[in-house]
Amino acid sequence: MDSLSTSPTRNQRRRQETADRIVQAAVALFGERGVDATTVTGICERADVAHQTFFNHFAAKHDLVRDLARRGNAFLLDCLDTAQREEKSTGDRLARLFSLLHGAAAAVGPMHQDLVSETIRAAYETDDPARSREVHRAIAKLLRAGRVQRDVTRQHAIEDLVALVVGALSQLMLEWAHRDDFAVAERSMRMARLLAEALAPRPGERAPRT
């Protein structure tokens, strides 16, 4: 039975811990200085690892940024789960989702906008249909919960409503990445309210079957 176990070995855990430490150091420096101004040497010094250790995990700095894009996708899924579990309406869930996303990025440091931009670029370069499907399924779950609570319309296919939310979120991130004067917190709350109104049942819409 032990040979069939999928639990990570001690070496695998240590390797992951080292990779996480490198990533955390990189994010801190990216937030302070920006991606371009951060060097591999600086990341190694902040993470307290040897130069070669970095390259044991990442072929180059850009590969680390790609890893951040992957981790960002996992964080988005966590935020969707948190919003669904802890909020009581679709509007509140969307507002919580957007708040969690922009709050985490803004907390990185004064150059967080640069990090958002670079991560988006890396995500497009390494587009993974499986990861996209995961996000779409999580948003669909949130919207179906809204239908049960009767605050999400049944007049449109759920995949079309998912596309509406994904489009709004993508637009928000792109504007944030490319507009220096972008007030992300204010804009994201307005976007959440707009989505809640767009998703709401229409007057006279039939009540959902129980």
C-alpha atoms as a PDB file:
ATOM      1  CA  MET A   1       0.000   0.000   0.000  1.00  0.00           C
ATOM      2  CA  ASP A   2       2.801   2.463   0.828  1.00  0.00           C
ATOM      3  CA  SER A   3       4.173   2.189  -2.707  1.00  0.00           C
ATOM      4  CA  LEU A   4       0.790   3.298  -4.076  1.00  0.00           C
ATOM      5  CA  SER A   5       0.556   6.343  -1.826  1.00  0.00           C
ATOM      6  CA  THR A   6       0.206   9.717  -3.555  1.00  0.00           C
ATOM      7  CA  SER A   7       1.467  11.662  -0.522  1.00  0.00           C
ATOM      8  CA  PRO A   8       4.561  13.740  -1.283  1.00  0.00           C
ATOM      9  CA  THR A   9       7.870  12.433  -0.045  1.00  0.00           C
ATOM     10  CA  ARG A  10      10.081  14.404   2.344  1.00  0.00           C
ATOM     11  CA  ASN A  11      12.306  15.468  -0.547  1.00  0.00           C
ATOM     12  CA  GLN A  12       9.301  16.576  -2.570  1.00  0.00           C
ATOM     13  CA  ARG A  13       7.992  18.600   0.359  1.00  0.00           C
ATOM     14  CA  ARG A  14      11.368  20.257   0.855  1.00  0.00           C
ATOM     15  CA  ARG A  15      11.614  21.027  -2.843  1.00  0.00           C
ATOM     16  CA  GLN A  16       8.151  22.601  -2.808  1.00  0.00           C
ATOM     17  CA  GLU A  17       8.984  24.610   0.306  1.00  0.00           C
ATOM     18  CA  THR A  18      12.104  25.976  -1.387  1.00  0.00           C
ATOM     19  CA  ALA A  19      10.150  26.853  -4.546  1.00  0.00           C
ATOM     20  CA  ASP A  20       7.522  28.609  -2.421  1.00  0.00           C
ATOM     21  CA  ARG A  21      10.216  30.603  -0.621  1.00  0.00           C
ATOM     22  CA  ILE A  22      11.710  31.705  -3.932  1.00  0.00           C
ATOM     23  CA  VAL A  23       8.287  32.728  -5.245  1.00  0.00           C
ATOM     24  CA  GLN A  24       7.446  34.652  -2.068  1.00  0.00           C
ATOM     25  CA  ALA A  25      10.746  36.504  -2.254  1.00  0.00           C
ATOM     26  CA  ALA A  26      10.147  37.317  -5.923  1.00  0.00           C
ATOM     27  CA  VAL A  27       6.638  38.621  -5.279  1.00  0.00           C
ATOM     28  CA  ALA A  28       7.916  40.872  -2.496  1.00  0.00           C
ATOM     29  CA  LEU A  29      10.608  42.310  -4.777  1.00  0.00           C
ATOM     30  CA  PHE A  30       8.260  42.624  -7.749  1.00  0.00           C
ATOM     31  CA  GLY A  31       5.899  44.597  -5.521  1.00  0.00           C
ATOM     32  CA  GLU A  32       8.700  46.861  -4.300  1.00  0.00           C
ATOM     33  CA  ARG A  33      10.703  47.388  -7.507  1.00  0.00           C
ATOM     34  CA  GLY A  34       8.724  46.008 -10.436  1.00  0.00           C
ATOM     35  CA  VAL A  35       9.400  42.881 -12.457  1.00  0.00           C
ATOM     36  CA  ASP A  36      12.002  44.277 -14.853  1.00  0.00           C
ATOM     37  CA  ALA A  37      14.048  45.898 -12.080  1.00  0.00           C
ATOM     38  CA  THR A  38      14.152  42.704 -10.033  1.00  0.00           C
ATOM     39  CA  THR A  39      17.092  40.394 -10.701  1.00  0.00           C
ATOM     40  CA  VAL A  40      17.532  36.696 -10.089  1.00  0.00           C
ATOM     41  CA  THR A  41      20.427  37.592  -7.781  1.00  0.00           C
ATOM     42  CA  GLY A  42      18.131  39.840  -5.757  1.00  0.00           C
ATOM     43  CA  ILE A  43      15.513  37.096  -5.512  1.00  0.00           C
ATOM     44  CA  CYS A  44      18.123  34.602  -4.318  1.00  0.00           C
ATOM     45  CA  GLU A  45      19.374  37.030  -1.683  1.00  0.00           C
ATOM     46  CA  ARG A  46      15.850  37.719  -0.419  1.00  0.00           C
ATOM     47  CA  ALA A  47      14.967  34.015  -0.392  1.00  0.00           C
ATOM     48  CA  ASP A  48      18.354  33.105   1.153  1.00  0.00           C
ATOM     49  CA  VAL A  49      19.077  30.437  -1.456  1.00  0.00           C
ATOM     50  CA  ALA A  50      22.064  29.760  -3.712  1.00  0.00           C
ATOM     51  CA  HIS A  51      21.978  31.007  -7.294  1.00  0.00           C
ATOM     52  CA  GLN A  52      21.909  27.458  -8.627  1.00  0.00           C
ATOM     53  CA  THR A  53      18.974  26.620  -6.372  1.00  0.00           C
ATOM     54  CA  PHE A  54      16.869  29.161  -8.244  1.00  0.00           C
ATOM     55  CA  PHE A  55      17.697  27.483 -11.554  1.00  0.00           C
ATOM     56  CA  ASN A  56      16.900  24.086 -10.107  1.00  0.00           C
ATOM     57  CA  HIS A  57      13.316  25.307  -9.918  1.00  0.00           C
ATOM     58  CA  PHE A  58      12.968  27.893 -12.693  1.00  0.00           C
ATOM     59  CA  ALA A  59      14.817  28.102 -16.007  1.00  0.00           C
ATOM     60  CA  ALA A  60      14.621  31.923 -15.915  1.00  0.00           C
ATOM     61  CA  LYS A  61      12.851  34.783 -14.163  1.00  0.00           C
ATOM     62  CA  HIS A  62      10.118  34.705 -16.783  1.00  0.00           C
ATOM     63  CA  ASP A  63       9.361  31.086 -15.894  1.00  0.00           C
ATOM     64  CA  LEU A  64       8.821  32.206 -12.316  1.00  0.00           C
ATOM     65  CA  VAL A  65       6.326  34.809 -13.555  1.00  0.00           C
ATOM     66  CA  ARG A  66       4.547  32.050 -15.469  1.00  0.00           C
ATOM     67  CA  ASP A  67       4.378  30.064 -12.252  1.00  0.00           C
ATOM     68  CA  LEU A  68       2.801  33.109 -10.617  1.00  0.00           C
ATOM     69  CA  ALA A  69       0.125  33.097 -13.328  1.00  0.00           C
ATOM     70  CA  ARG A  70      -0.630  29.473 -12.490  1.00  0.00           C
ATOM     71  CA  ARG A  71      -0.752  30.254  -8.781  1.00  0.00           C
ATOM     72  CA  GLY A  72      -2.977  33.234  -9.527  1.00  0.00           C
ATOM     73  CA  ASN A  73      -5.476  30.918 -11.168  1.00  0.00           C
ATOM     74  CA  ALA A  74      -5.516  28.740  -8.042  1.00  0.00           C
ATOM     75  CA  PHE A  75      -5.972  31.866  -5.903  1.00  0.00           C
ATOM     76  CA  LEU A  76      -8.934  32.930  -8.057  1.00  0.00           C
ATOM     77  CA  LEU A  77     -10.558  29.542  -7.437  1.00  0.00           C
ATOM     78  CA  ASP A  78      -9.977  29.947  -3.687  1.00  0.00           C
ATOM     79  CA  CYS A  79     -11.551  33.412  -3.804  1.00  0.00           C
ATOM     80  CA  LEU A  80     -14.606  32.085  -5.639  1.00  0.00           C
ATOM     81  CA  ASP A  81     -14.992  29.364  -3.015  1.00  0.00           C
ATOM     82  CA  THR A  82     -14.618  31.861  -0.161  1.00  0.00           C
ATOM     83  CA  ALA A  83     -17.128  34.274  -1.690  1.00  0.00           C
ATOM     84  CA  GLN A  84     -19.689  31.533  -2.197  1.00  0.00           C
ATOM     85  CA  ARG A  85     -19.307  30.113   1.310  1.00  0.00           C
ATOM     86  CA  GLU A  86     -19.267  33.367   3.246  1.00  0.00           C
ATOM     87  CA  GLU A  87     -21.689  35.670   1.436  1.00  0.00           C
ATOM     88  CA  LYS A  88     -25.484  35.372   1.205  1.00  0.00           C
ATOM     89  CA  SER A  89     -26.366  36.903  -2.181  1.00  0.00           C
ATOM     90  CA  THR A  90     -24.920  36.846  -5.673  1.00  0.00           C
ATOM     91  CA  GLY A  91     -24.200  40.571  -5.556  1.00  0.00           C
ATOM     92  CA  ASP A  92     -22.362  40.235  -2.262  1.00  0.00           C
ATOM     93  CA  ARG A  93     -20.424  37.230  -3.571  1.00  0.00           C
ATOM     94  CA  LEU A  94     -19.270  39.124  -6.653  1.00  0.00           C
ATOM     95  CA  ALA A  95     -18.293  42.136  -4.559  1.00  0.00           C
ATOM     96  CA  ARG A  96     -16.341  39.866  -2.184  1.00  0.00           C
ATOM     97  CA  LEU A  97     -14.632  38.129  -5.103  1.00  0.00           C
ATOM     98  CA  PHE A  98     -13.458  41.382  -6.656  1.00  0.00           C
ATOM     99  CA  SER A  99     -12.402  42.754  -3.278  1.00  0.00           C
ATOM    100  CA  LEU A 100     -10.323  39.675  -2.473  1.00  0.00           C
ATOM    101  CA  LEU A 101      -8.577  39.847  -5.842  1.00  0.00           C
ATOM    102  CA  HIS A 102      -7.656  43.516  -5.871  1.00  0.00           C
ATOM    103  CA  GLY A 103      -6.908  43.535  -2.144  1.00  0.00           C
ATOM    104  CA  ALA A 104      -4.375  40.715  -2.414  1.00  0.00           C
ATOM    105  CA  ALA A 105      -2.614  42.277  -5.393  1.00  0.00           C
ATOM    106  CA  ALA A 106      -2.540  45.787  -3.914  1.00  0.00           C
ATOM    107  CA  ALA A 107      -1.025  44.406  -0.699  1.00  0.00           C
ATOM    108  CA  VAL A 108       2.035  43.229  -2.631  1.00  0.00           C
ATOM    109  CA  GLY A 109       3.522  46.719  -2.761  1.00  0.00           C
ATOM    110  CA  PRO A 110       3.672  49.996  -4.711  1.00  0.00           C
ATOM    111  CA  MET A 111       4.593  48.229  -7.970  1.00  0.00           C
ATOM    112  CA  HIS A 112       1.677  45.793  -7.809  1.00  0.00           C
ATOM    113  CA  GLN A 113       0.239  47.169 -11.050  1.00  0.00           C
ATOM    114  CA  ASP A 114       3.378  46.124 -12.906  1.00  0.00           C
ATOM    115  CA  LEU A 115       3.115  42.653 -11.397  1.00  0.00           C
ATOM    116  CA  VAL A 116      -0.530  42.377 -12.490  1.00  0.00           C
ATOM    117  CA  SER A 117       0.447  43.373 -16.029  1.00  0.00           C
ATOM    118  CA  GLU A 118       3.296  40.865 -16.258  1.00  0.00           C
ATOM    119  CA  THR A 119       1.209  38.069 -14.778  1.00  0.00           C
ATOM    120  CA  ILE A 120      -1.606  38.674 -17.261  1.00  0.00           C
ATOM    121  CA  ARG A 121       0.897  38.576 -20.120  1.00  0.00           C
ATOM    122  CA  ALA A 122       2.351  35.312 -18.824  1.00  0.00           C
ATOM    123  CA  ALA A 123      -1.136  33.833 -18.427  1.00  0.00           C
ATOM    124  CA  TYR A 124      -1.924  34.538 -22.083  1.00  0.00           C
ATOM    125  CA  GLU A 125       1.371  32.961 -23.136  1.00  0.00           C
ATOM    126  CA  THR A 126       0.650  29.772 -21.211  1.00  0.00           C
ATOM    127  CA  ASP A 127      -3.109  29.600 -21.706  1.00  0.00           C
ATOM    128  CA  ASP A 128      -4.322  26.286 -20.311  1.00  0.00           C
ATOM    129  CA  PRO A 129      -7.858  25.244 -21.350  1.00  0.00           C
ATOM    130  CA  ALA A 130      -8.134  22.961 -18.329  1.00  0.00           C
ATOM    131  CA  ARG A 131      -7.468  25.866 -15.929  1.00  0.00           C
ATOM    132  CA  SER A 132      -9.980  28.035 -17.781  1.00  0.00           C
ATOM    133  CA  ARG A 133     -12.613  25.312 -17.489  1.00  0.00           C
ATOM    134  CA  GLU A 134     -11.986  25.108 -13.745  1.00  0.00           C
ATOM    135  CA  VAL A 135     -12.669  28.825 -13.363  1.00  0.00           C
ATOM    136  CA  HIS A 136     -15.767  28.652 -15.550  1.00  0.00           C
ATOM    137  CA  ARG A 137     -17.140  25.745 -13.512  1.00  0.00           C
ATOM    138  CA  ALA A 138     -16.543  27.626 -10.253  1.00  0.00           C
ATOM    139  CA  ILE A 139     -18.343  30.724 -11.555  1.00  0.00           C
ATOM    140  CA  ALA A 140     -21.188  28.552 -12.851  1.00  0.00           C
ATOM    141  CA  LYS A 141     -21.506  27.023  -9.367  1.00  0.00           C
ATOM    142  CA  LEU A 142     -21.765  30.502  -7.859  1.00  0.00           C
ATOM    143  CA  LEU A 143     -24.446  31.527 -10.360  1.00  0.00           C
ATOM    144  CA  ARG A 144     -26.447  28.338  -9.909  1.00  0.00           C
ATOM    145  CA  ALA A 145     -26.496  29.009  -6.177  1.00  0.00           C
ATOM    146  CA  GLY A 146     -27.916  32.422  -7.053  1.00  0.00           C
ATOM    147  CA  ARG A 147     -30.657  30.790  -9.082  1.00  0.00           C
ATOM    148  CA  VAL A 148     -31.627  28.653  -6.119  1.00  0.00           C
ATOM    149  CA  GLN A 149     -31.822  31.869  -4.056  1.00  0.00           C
ATOM    150  CA  ARG A 150     -33.791  33.520  -6.888  1.00  0.00           C
ATOM    151  CA  ASP A 151     -31.410  36.420  -7.461  1.00  0.00           C
ATOM    152  CA  VAL A 152     -30.012  35.154 -10.799  1.00  0.00           C
ATOM    153  CA  THR A 153     -32.099  35.076 -13.965  1.00  0.00           C
ATOM    154  CA  ARG A 154     -33.159  31.835 -15.655  1.00  0.00           C
ATOM    155  CA  GLN A 155     -33.854  33.545 -18.972  1.00  0.00           C
ATOM    156  CA  HIS A 156     -30.328  32.960 -20.272  1.00  0.00           C
ATOM    157  CA  ALA A 157     -28.090  29.902 -20.462  1.00  0.00           C
ATOM    158  CA  ILE A 158     -25.753  29.562 -17.515  1.00  0.00           C
ATOM    159  CA  GLU A 159     -22.708  29.471 -19.822  1.00  0.00           C
ATOM    160  CA  ASP A 160     -23.716  32.863 -21.224  1.00  0.00           C
ATOM    161  CA  LEU A 161     -23.975  34.314 -17.729  1.00  0.00           C
ATOM    162  CA  VAL A 162     -20.567  32.846 -16.912  1.00  0.00           C
ATOM    163  CA  ALA A 163     -19.147  34.557 -20.004  1.00  0.00           C
ATOM    164  CA  LEU A 164     -20.581  37.854 -18.761  1.00  0.00           C
ATOM    165  CA  VAL A 165     -18.798  37.536 -15.411  1.00  0.00           C
ATOM    166  CA  VAL A 166     -15.531  36.363 -16.983  1.00  0.00           C
ATOM    167  CA  GLY A 167     -15.627  39.240 -19.467  1.00  0.00           C
ATOM    168  CA  ALA A 168     -16.166  41.811 -16.720  1.00  0.00           C
ATOM    169  CA  LEU A 169     -13.361  40.364 -14.617  1.00  0.00           C
ATOM    170  CA  SER A 170     -10.977  40.242 -17.592  1.00  0.00           C
ATOM    171  CA  GLN A 171     -11.749  43.843 -18.520  1.00  0.00           C
ATOM    172  CA  LEU A 172     -11.159  44.955 -14.943  1.00  0.00           C
ATOM    173  CA  MET A 173      -7.762  43.260 -14.839  1.00  0.00           C
ATOM    174  CA  LEU A 174      -6.707  44.651 -18.233  1.00  0.00           C
ATOM    175  CA  GLU A 175      -7.647  48.210 -17.264  1.00  0.00           C
ATOM    176  CA  TRP A 176      -5.832  47.807 -13.973  1.00  0.00           C
ATOM    177  CA  ALA A 177      -2.722  46.585 -15.759  1.00  0.00           C
ATOM    178  CA  HIS A 178      -2.586  49.394 -18.321  1.00  0.00           C
ATOM    179  CA  ARG A 179      -4.055  52.539 -16.702  1.00  0.00           C
ATOM    180  CA  ASP A 180      -1.806  54.406 -14.303  1.00  0.00           C
ATOM    181  CA  ASP A 181      -4.698  56.376 -12.803  1.00  0.00           C
ATOM    182  CA  PHE A 182      -6.942  53.356 -12.331  1.00  0.00           C
ATOM    183  CA  ALA A 183      -8.894  53.311  -9.042  1.00  0.00           C
ATOM    184  CA  VAL A 184      -9.294  49.538  -8.896  1.00  0.00           C
ATOM    185  CA  ALA A 185     -11.198  49.317  -5.598  1.00  0.00           C
ATOM    186  CA  GLU A 186     -13.877  51.812  -6.657  1.00  0.00           C
ATOM    187  CA  ARG A 187     -14.134  50.395 -10.162  1.00  0.00           C
ATOM    188  CA  SER A 188     -14.402  46.780  -9.006  1.00  0.00           C
ATOM    189  CA  MET A 189     -17.259  47.602  -6.636  1.00  0.00           C
ATOM    190  CA  ARG A 190     -19.118  49.412  -9.416  1.00  0.00           C
ATOM    191  CA  MET A 191     -18.540  46.433 -11.687  1.00  0.00           C
ATOM    192  CA  ALA A 192     -19.871  44.032  -9.057  1.00  0.00           C
ATOM    193  CA  ARG A 193     -23.047  46.104  -8.646  1.00  0.00           C
ATOM    194  CA  LEU A 194     -23.528  46.274 -12.407  1.00  0.00           C
ATOM    195  CA  LEU A 195     -23.119  42.515 -12.747  1.00  0.00           C
ATOM    196  CA  ALA A 196     -25.583  41.863  -9.935  1.00  0.00           C
ATOM    197  CA  GLU A 197     -28.152  44.052 -11.702  1.00  0.00           C
ATOM    198  CA  ALA A 198     -27.488  42.413 -15.080  1.00  0.00           C
ATOM    199  CA  LEU A 199     -27.826  38.923 -13.601  1.00  0.00           C
ATOM    200  CA  ALA A 200     -30.982  39.637 -11.601  1.00  0.00           C
ATOM    201  CA  PRO A 201     -34.300  38.030 -12.607  1.00  0.00           C
ATOM    202  CA  ARG A 202     -36.503  40.135 -14.867  1.00  0.00           C
ATOM    203  CA  PRO A 203     -39.911  41.393 -13.699  1.00  0.00           C
ATOM    204  CA  GLY A 204     -42.483  38.635 -14.165  1.00  0.00           C
ATOM    205  CA  GLU A 205     -39.866  35.939 -14.616  1.00  0.00           C
ATOM    206  CA  ARG A 206     -41.171  32.547 -13.600  1.00  0.00           C
ATOM    207  CA  ALA A 207     -40.069  31.304 -10.212  1.00  0.00           C
ATOM    208  CA  PRO A 208     -37.584  28.426 -10.308  1.00  0.00           C
ATOM    209  CA  ARG A 209     -38.872  24.893  -9.866  1.00  0.00           C
ATOM    210  CA  THR A 210     -38.107  23.345  -6.492  1.00  0.00           C
END
